[in-house]
Amino acid sequence: MPYPDKQAIFSRIKELLLHYVFSFKGFANGLQFGIATSIAFISNDILSKLDVSLTIRNFIYGYIMLVAFQKRCRDINIKGTLIIIFITLAFFYVAIFEALKLDMYGYLDTISKFFLHAYAFLVLTMMILPSSQIKNAELTSPLLKYPYLYVLVCIGICLWGISVVSEHQDEIIRAVT
């Protein structure tokens, strides 16, 4: 029995990753959503071991999860606008305050716990919800009508937020303590 061509295997893996992890098209059932979540966590962990910037890791993690949530919302037949807003706010919070190490001192502990618990609950809920019998490939949150533009705007806002918060870091620390 001949061995499969390595190039064909790598080509198929690349195709699957591009389709299931990075493309906003299609659906994701609970298992696929869980796999995408695992890929996001594992890639974040690997990139942290490679000393990749926390900001870049947050962007990659946020992108993968945004794709996964939109596909999962489509699979359960909802637009998911409130879910997209919540995960975007959670991303902004983590990307801005974690990158500046404000969160590690416990100044924003209550907010951190809220986002952590609400996000974990949302991820678990999305994993266990049954798929809808009705499938509509066009069902999308209005925020993600142009998903790549949304991602670029979020990155711009996040970078601006990091800049503003870093300029006023001492004032923020005094305000929350």
C-alpha atoms as a PDB file:
ATOM      1  CA  MET A   1       0.000   0.000   0.000  1.00  0.00           C
ATOM      2  CA  PRO A   2       1.592   3.309  -1.039  1.00  0.00           C
ATOM      3  CA  TYR A   3       2.032   6.068   1.498  1.00  0.00           C
ATOM      4  CA  PRO A   4       0.020   9.259   1.024  1.00  0.00           C
ATOM      5  CA  ASP A   5       1.856  12.144  -0.567  1.00  0.00           C
ATOM      6  CA  LYS A   6       3.158  14.529   2.127  1.00  0.00           C
ATOM      7  CA  GLN A   7       2.441  17.515  -0.086  1.00  0.00           C
ATOM      8  CA  ALA A   8      -1.175  16.392  -0.474  1.00  0.00           C
ATOM      9  CA  ILE A   9      -1.527  15.998   3.293  1.00  0.00           C
ATOM     10  CA  PHE A  10      -0.111  19.472   3.987  1.00  0.00           C
ATOM     11  CA  SER A  11      -2.291  20.922   1.245  1.00  0.00           C
ATOM     12  CA  ARG A  12      -5.407  19.360   2.805  1.00  0.00           C
ATOM     13  CA  ILE A  13      -4.488  20.579   6.305  1.00  0.00           C
ATOM     14  CA  LYS A  14      -3.938  24.081   4.947  1.00  0.00           C
ATOM     15  CA  GLU A  15      -7.283  23.964   3.134  1.00  0.00           C
ATOM     16  CA  LEU A  16      -9.094  22.815   6.277  1.00  0.00           C
ATOM     17  CA  LEU A  17      -7.463  25.470   8.448  1.00  0.00           C
ATOM     18  CA  LEU A  18      -8.227  28.240   5.983  1.00  0.00           C
ATOM     19  CA  HIS A  19     -11.826  27.092   5.616  1.00  0.00           C
ATOM     20  CA  TYR A  20     -12.702  26.153   9.183  1.00  0.00           C
ATOM     21  CA  VAL A  21     -10.570  28.532  11.226  1.00  0.00           C
ATOM     22  CA  PHE A  22     -10.011  31.663   9.159  1.00  0.00           C
ATOM     23  CA  SER A  23     -13.017  31.934   6.814  1.00  0.00           C
ATOM     24  CA  PHE A  24     -16.263  33.581   7.872  1.00  0.00           C
ATOM     25  CA  LYS A  25     -18.225  31.400   5.437  1.00  0.00           C
ATOM     26  CA  GLY A  26     -20.110  28.320   6.507  1.00  0.00           C
ATOM     27  CA  PHE A  27     -21.375  26.842   9.738  1.00  0.00           C
ATOM     28  CA  ALA A  28     -19.845  25.344  12.853  1.00  0.00           C
ATOM     29  CA  ASN A  29     -21.602  22.777  14.976  1.00  0.00           C
ATOM     30  CA  GLY A  30     -20.784  22.483  18.665  1.00  0.00           C
ATOM     31  CA  LEU A  31     -17.861  20.121  18.100  1.00  0.00           C
ATOM     32  CA  GLN A  32     -16.356  22.294  15.361  1.00  0.00           C
ATOM     33  CA  PHE A  33     -16.795  25.342  17.589  1.00  0.00           C
ATOM     34  CA  GLY A  34     -14.978  23.487  20.376  1.00  0.00           C
ATOM     35  CA  ILE A  35     -12.170  22.546  17.992  1.00  0.00           C
ATOM     36  CA  ALA A  36     -11.837  26.167  16.834  1.00  0.00           C
ATOM     37  CA  THR A  37     -11.745  27.278  20.473  1.00  0.00           C
ATOM     38  CA  SER A  38      -9.026  24.707  21.167  1.00  0.00           C
ATOM     39  CA  ILE A  39      -7.036  25.879  18.145  1.00  0.00           C
ATOM     40  CA  ALA A  40      -7.296  29.474  19.400  1.00  0.00           C
ATOM     41  CA  PHE A  41      -6.077  28.497  22.886  1.00  0.00           C
ATOM     42  CA  ILE A  42      -3.287  26.257  21.584  1.00  0.00           C
ATOM     43  CA  SER A  43      -2.063  28.836  19.066  1.00  0.00           C
ATOM     44  CA  ASN A  44      -2.049  31.470  21.810  1.00  0.00           C
ATOM     45  CA  ASP A  45      -0.056  29.137  24.063  1.00  0.00           C
ATOM     46  CA  ILE A  46       2.447  28.240  21.336  1.00  0.00           C
ATOM     47  CA  LEU A  47       2.906  31.880  20.363  1.00  0.00           C
ATOM     48  CA  SER A  48       3.463  32.833  24.014  1.00  0.00           C
ATOM     49  CA  LYS A  49       6.239  30.232  24.254  1.00  0.00           C
ATOM     50  CA  LEU A  50       7.780  31.759  21.113  1.00  0.00           C
ATOM     51  CA  ASP A  51       7.735  35.194  22.815  1.00  0.00           C
ATOM     52  CA  VAL A  52       5.333  36.673  20.276  1.00  0.00           C
ATOM     53  CA  SER A  53       3.897  40.009  21.395  1.00  0.00           C
ATOM     54  CA  LEU A  54       0.805  39.775  23.573  1.00  0.00           C
ATOM     55  CA  THR A  55      -0.966  42.222  21.273  1.00  0.00           C
ATOM     56  CA  ILE A  56      -0.370  40.035  18.216  1.00  0.00           C
ATOM     57  CA  ARG A  57      -1.434  36.921  20.133  1.00  0.00           C
ATOM     58  CA  ASN A  58      -4.647  38.682  21.211  1.00  0.00           C
ATOM     59  CA  PHE A  59      -5.407  39.678  17.615  1.00  0.00           C
ATOM     60  CA  ILE A  60      -4.928  36.114  16.363  1.00  0.00           C
ATOM     61  CA  TYR A  61      -6.960  34.617  19.210  1.00  0.00           C
ATOM     62  CA  GLY A  62      -9.689  37.245  18.783  1.00  0.00           C
ATOM     63  CA  TYR A  63      -9.912  36.668  15.043  1.00  0.00           C
ATOM     64  CA  ILE A  64     -10.209  32.891  15.347  1.00  0.00           C
ATOM     65  CA  MET A  65     -12.881  33.219  18.014  1.00  0.00           C
ATOM     66  CA  LEU A  66     -14.810  35.872  16.063  1.00  0.00           C
ATOM     67  CA  VAL A  67     -14.933  33.500  13.091  1.00  0.00           C
ATOM     68  CA  ALA A  68     -15.977  30.601  15.321  1.00  0.00           C
ATOM     69  CA  PHE A  69     -18.724  32.562  17.070  1.00  0.00           C
ATOM     70  CA  GLN A  70     -20.179  33.885  13.798  1.00  0.00           C
ATOM     71  CA  LYS A  71     -20.230  30.406  12.254  1.00  0.00           C
ATOM     72  CA  ARG A  72     -21.753  28.937  15.399  1.00  0.00           C
ATOM     73  CA  CYS A  73     -24.428  31.640  15.524  1.00  0.00           C
ATOM     74  CA  ARG A  74     -25.292  30.867  11.914  1.00  0.00           C
ATOM     75  CA  ASP A  75     -25.469  27.148  12.805  1.00  0.00           C
ATOM     76  CA  ILE A  76     -27.971  27.762  15.606  1.00  0.00           C
ATOM     77  CA  ASN A  77     -29.870  30.150  13.286  1.00  0.00           C
ATOM     78  CA  ILE A  78     -29.314  33.474  15.053  1.00  0.00           C
ATOM     79  CA  LYS A  79     -27.586  36.627  13.844  1.00  0.00           C
ATOM     80  CA  GLY A  80     -25.649  36.841  17.097  1.00  0.00           C
ATOM     81  CA  THR A  81     -25.156  40.612  17.155  1.00  0.00           C
ATOM     82  CA  LEU A  82     -25.206  40.791  20.970  1.00  0.00           C
ATOM     83  CA  ILE A  83     -22.753  37.904  21.149  1.00  0.00           C
ATOM     84  CA  ILE A  84     -20.419  39.632  18.670  1.00  0.00           C
ATOM     85  CA  ILE A  85     -20.655  42.879  20.676  1.00  0.00           C
ATOM     86  CA  PHE A  86     -19.865  41.050  23.931  1.00  0.00           C
ATOM     87  CA  ILE A  87     -16.862  39.148  22.582  1.00  0.00           C
ATOM     88  CA  THR A  88     -15.580  42.332  20.919  1.00  0.00           C
ATOM     89  CA  LEU A  89     -15.798  44.203  24.241  1.00  0.00           C
ATOM     90  CA  ALA A  90     -14.095  41.303  26.017  1.00  0.00           C
ATOM     91  CA  PHE A  91     -11.366  41.342  23.362  1.00  0.00           C
ATOM     92  CA  PHE A  92     -10.870  45.114  23.755  1.00  0.00           C
ATOM     93  CA  TYR A  93     -10.684  44.780  27.528  1.00  0.00           C
ATOM     94  CA  VAL A  94      -8.125  41.986  27.446  1.00  0.00           C
ATOM     95  CA  ALA A  95      -6.099  43.399  24.564  1.00  0.00           C
ATOM     96  CA  ILE A  96      -5.819  46.871  26.082  1.00  0.00           C
ATOM     97  CA  PHE A  97      -5.559  46.312  29.817  1.00  0.00           C
ATOM     98  CA  GLU A  98      -3.713  42.989  29.787  1.00  0.00           C
ATOM     99  CA  ALA A  99      -1.122  44.282  27.320  1.00  0.00           C
ATOM    100  CA  LEU A 100      -0.328  47.156  29.697  1.00  0.00           C
ATOM    101  CA  LYS A 101      -0.230  44.843  32.729  1.00  0.00           C
ATOM    102  CA  LEU A 102      -2.902  46.893  34.522  1.00  0.00           C
ATOM    103  CA  ASP A 103      -5.027  43.827  35.074  1.00  0.00           C
ATOM    104  CA  MET A 104      -2.314  41.771  36.783  1.00  0.00           C
ATOM    105  CA  TYR A 105      -2.232  44.093  39.795  1.00  0.00           C
ATOM    106  CA  GLY A 106      -5.872  43.431  40.598  1.00  0.00           C
ATOM    107  CA  TYR A 107      -7.024  46.981  39.958  1.00  0.00           C
ATOM    108  CA  LEU A 108      -9.634  45.806  37.533  1.00  0.00           C
ATOM    109  CA  ASP A 109     -10.319  42.489  39.258  1.00  0.00           C
ATOM    110  CA  THR A 110     -14.121  42.752  39.318  1.00  0.00           C
ATOM    111  CA  ILE A 111     -14.338  43.597  35.633  1.00  0.00           C
ATOM    112  CA  SER A 112     -11.848  40.838  34.814  1.00  0.00           C
ATOM    113  CA  LYS A 113     -13.862  38.251  36.696  1.00  0.00           C
ATOM    114  CA  PHE A 114     -17.070  39.365  34.976  1.00  0.00           C
ATOM    115  CA  PHE A 115     -15.559  39.037  31.499  1.00  0.00           C
ATOM    116  CA  LEU A 116     -13.843  35.744  32.326  1.00  0.00           C
ATOM    117  CA  HIS A 117     -16.939  34.084  33.746  1.00  0.00           C
ATOM    118  CA  ALA A 118     -19.356  35.475  31.158  1.00  0.00           C
ATOM    119  CA  TYR A 119     -17.014  34.534  28.310  1.00  0.00           C
ATOM    120  CA  ALA A 120     -16.480  30.999  29.663  1.00  0.00           C
ATOM    121  CA  PHE A 121     -20.245  30.584  30.095  1.00  0.00           C
ATOM    122  CA  LEU A 122     -20.842  31.808  26.545  1.00  0.00           C
ATOM    123  CA  VAL A 123     -18.237  29.444  25.068  1.00  0.00           C
ATOM    124  CA  LEU A 124     -19.653  26.447  26.950  1.00  0.00           C
ATOM    125  CA  THR A 125     -23.209  27.388  25.991  1.00  0.00           C
ATOM    126  CA  MET A 126     -22.257  27.689  22.328  1.00  0.00           C
ATOM    127  CA  MET A 127     -20.619  24.247  22.471  1.00  0.00           C
ATOM    128  CA  ILE A 128     -23.674  22.475  23.863  1.00  0.00           C
ATOM    129  CA  LEU A 129     -26.501  24.214  22.002  1.00  0.00           C
ATOM    130  CA  PRO A 130     -27.964  21.922  19.357  1.00  0.00           C
ATOM    131  CA  SER A 131     -27.658  22.866  15.709  1.00  0.00           C
ATOM    132  CA  SER A 132     -30.749  24.303  14.076  1.00  0.00           C
ATOM    133  CA  GLN A 133     -32.594  22.317  11.447  1.00  0.00           C
ATOM    134  CA  ILE A 134     -32.883  25.533   9.434  1.00  0.00           C
ATOM    135  CA  LYS A 135     -29.623  26.499   7.702  1.00  0.00           C
ATOM    136  CA  ASN A 136     -29.170  29.944   6.182  1.00  0.00           C
ATOM    137  CA  ALA A 137     -25.674  30.632   4.843  1.00  0.00           C
ATOM    138  CA  GLU A 138     -26.535  34.337   4.480  1.00  0.00           C
ATOM    139  CA  LEU A 139     -27.476  34.796   8.159  1.00  0.00           C
ATOM    140  CA  THR A 140     -24.882  37.173   9.593  1.00  0.00           C
ATOM    141  CA  SER A 141     -24.684  39.800  12.284  1.00  0.00           C
ATOM    142  CA  PRO A 142     -24.982  43.263  10.704  1.00  0.00           C
ATOM    143  CA  LEU A 143     -21.626  44.025  12.338  1.00  0.00           C
ATOM    144  CA  LEU A 144     -20.048  41.313  10.226  1.00  0.00           C
ATOM    145  CA  LYS A 145     -21.620  42.209   6.894  1.00  0.00           C
ATOM    146  CA  TYR A 146     -18.065  43.120   5.884  1.00  0.00           C
ATOM    147  CA  PRO A 147     -16.121  40.966   8.374  1.00  0.00           C
ATOM    148  CA  TYR A 148     -12.608  41.915   7.326  1.00  0.00           C
ATOM    149  CA  LEU A 149     -13.455  45.614   7.578  1.00  0.00           C
ATOM    150  CA  TYR A 150     -14.884  44.941  11.053  1.00  0.00           C
ATOM    151  CA  VAL A 151     -11.663  43.207  12.056  1.00  0.00           C
ATOM    152  CA  LEU A 152      -9.543  46.087  10.720  1.00  0.00           C
ATOM    153  CA  VAL A 153     -11.671  48.668  12.548  1.00  0.00           C
ATOM    154  CA  CYS A 154     -11.390  46.624  15.769  1.00  0.00           C
ATOM    155  CA  ILE A 155      -7.612  46.421  15.388  1.00  0.00           C
ATOM    156  CA  GLY A 156      -7.456  50.189  14.827  1.00  0.00           C
ATOM    157  CA  ILE A 157      -9.626  50.918  17.868  1.00  0.00           C
ATOM    158  CA  CYS A 158      -7.593  48.492  19.953  1.00  0.00           C
ATOM    159  CA  LEU A 159      -4.267  50.044  18.960  1.00  0.00           C
ATOM    160  CA  TRP A 160      -5.692  53.502  19.646  1.00  0.00           C
ATOM    161  CA  GLY A 161      -6.995  52.263  23.018  1.00  0.00           C
ATOM    162  CA  ILE A 162      -3.605  50.835  23.958  1.00  0.00           C
ATOM    163  CA  SER A 163      -2.014  54.167  23.076  1.00  0.00           C
ATOM    164  CA  VAL A 164      -4.515  56.219  25.093  1.00  0.00           C
ATOM    165  CA  VAL A 165      -4.465  53.904  28.110  1.00  0.00           C
ATOM    166  CA  SER A 166      -0.663  53.748  28.137  1.00  0.00           C
ATOM    167  CA  GLU A 167      -0.489  57.565  28.098  1.00  0.00           C
ATOM    168  CA  HIS A 168      -2.886  57.781  31.057  1.00  0.00           C
ATOM    169  CA  GLN A 169      -1.816  54.643  32.896  1.00  0.00           C
ATOM    170  CA  ASP A 170      -0.962  56.406  36.176  1.00  0.00           C
ATOM    171  CA  GLU A 171      -4.280  58.263  36.180  1.00  0.00           C
ATOM    172  CA  ILE A 172      -6.193  55.038  35.563  1.00  0.00           C
ATOM    173  CA  ILE A 173      -4.371  53.297  38.425  1.00  0.00           C
ATOM    174  CA  ARG A 174      -5.169  56.199  40.781  1.00  0.00           C
ATOM    175  CA  ALA A 175      -8.811  56.177  39.667  1.00  0.00           C
ATOM    176  CA  VAL A 176      -9.382  52.482  40.295  1.00  0.00           C
ATOM    177  CA  THR A 177      -7.474  52.246  43.589  1.00  0.00           C
END
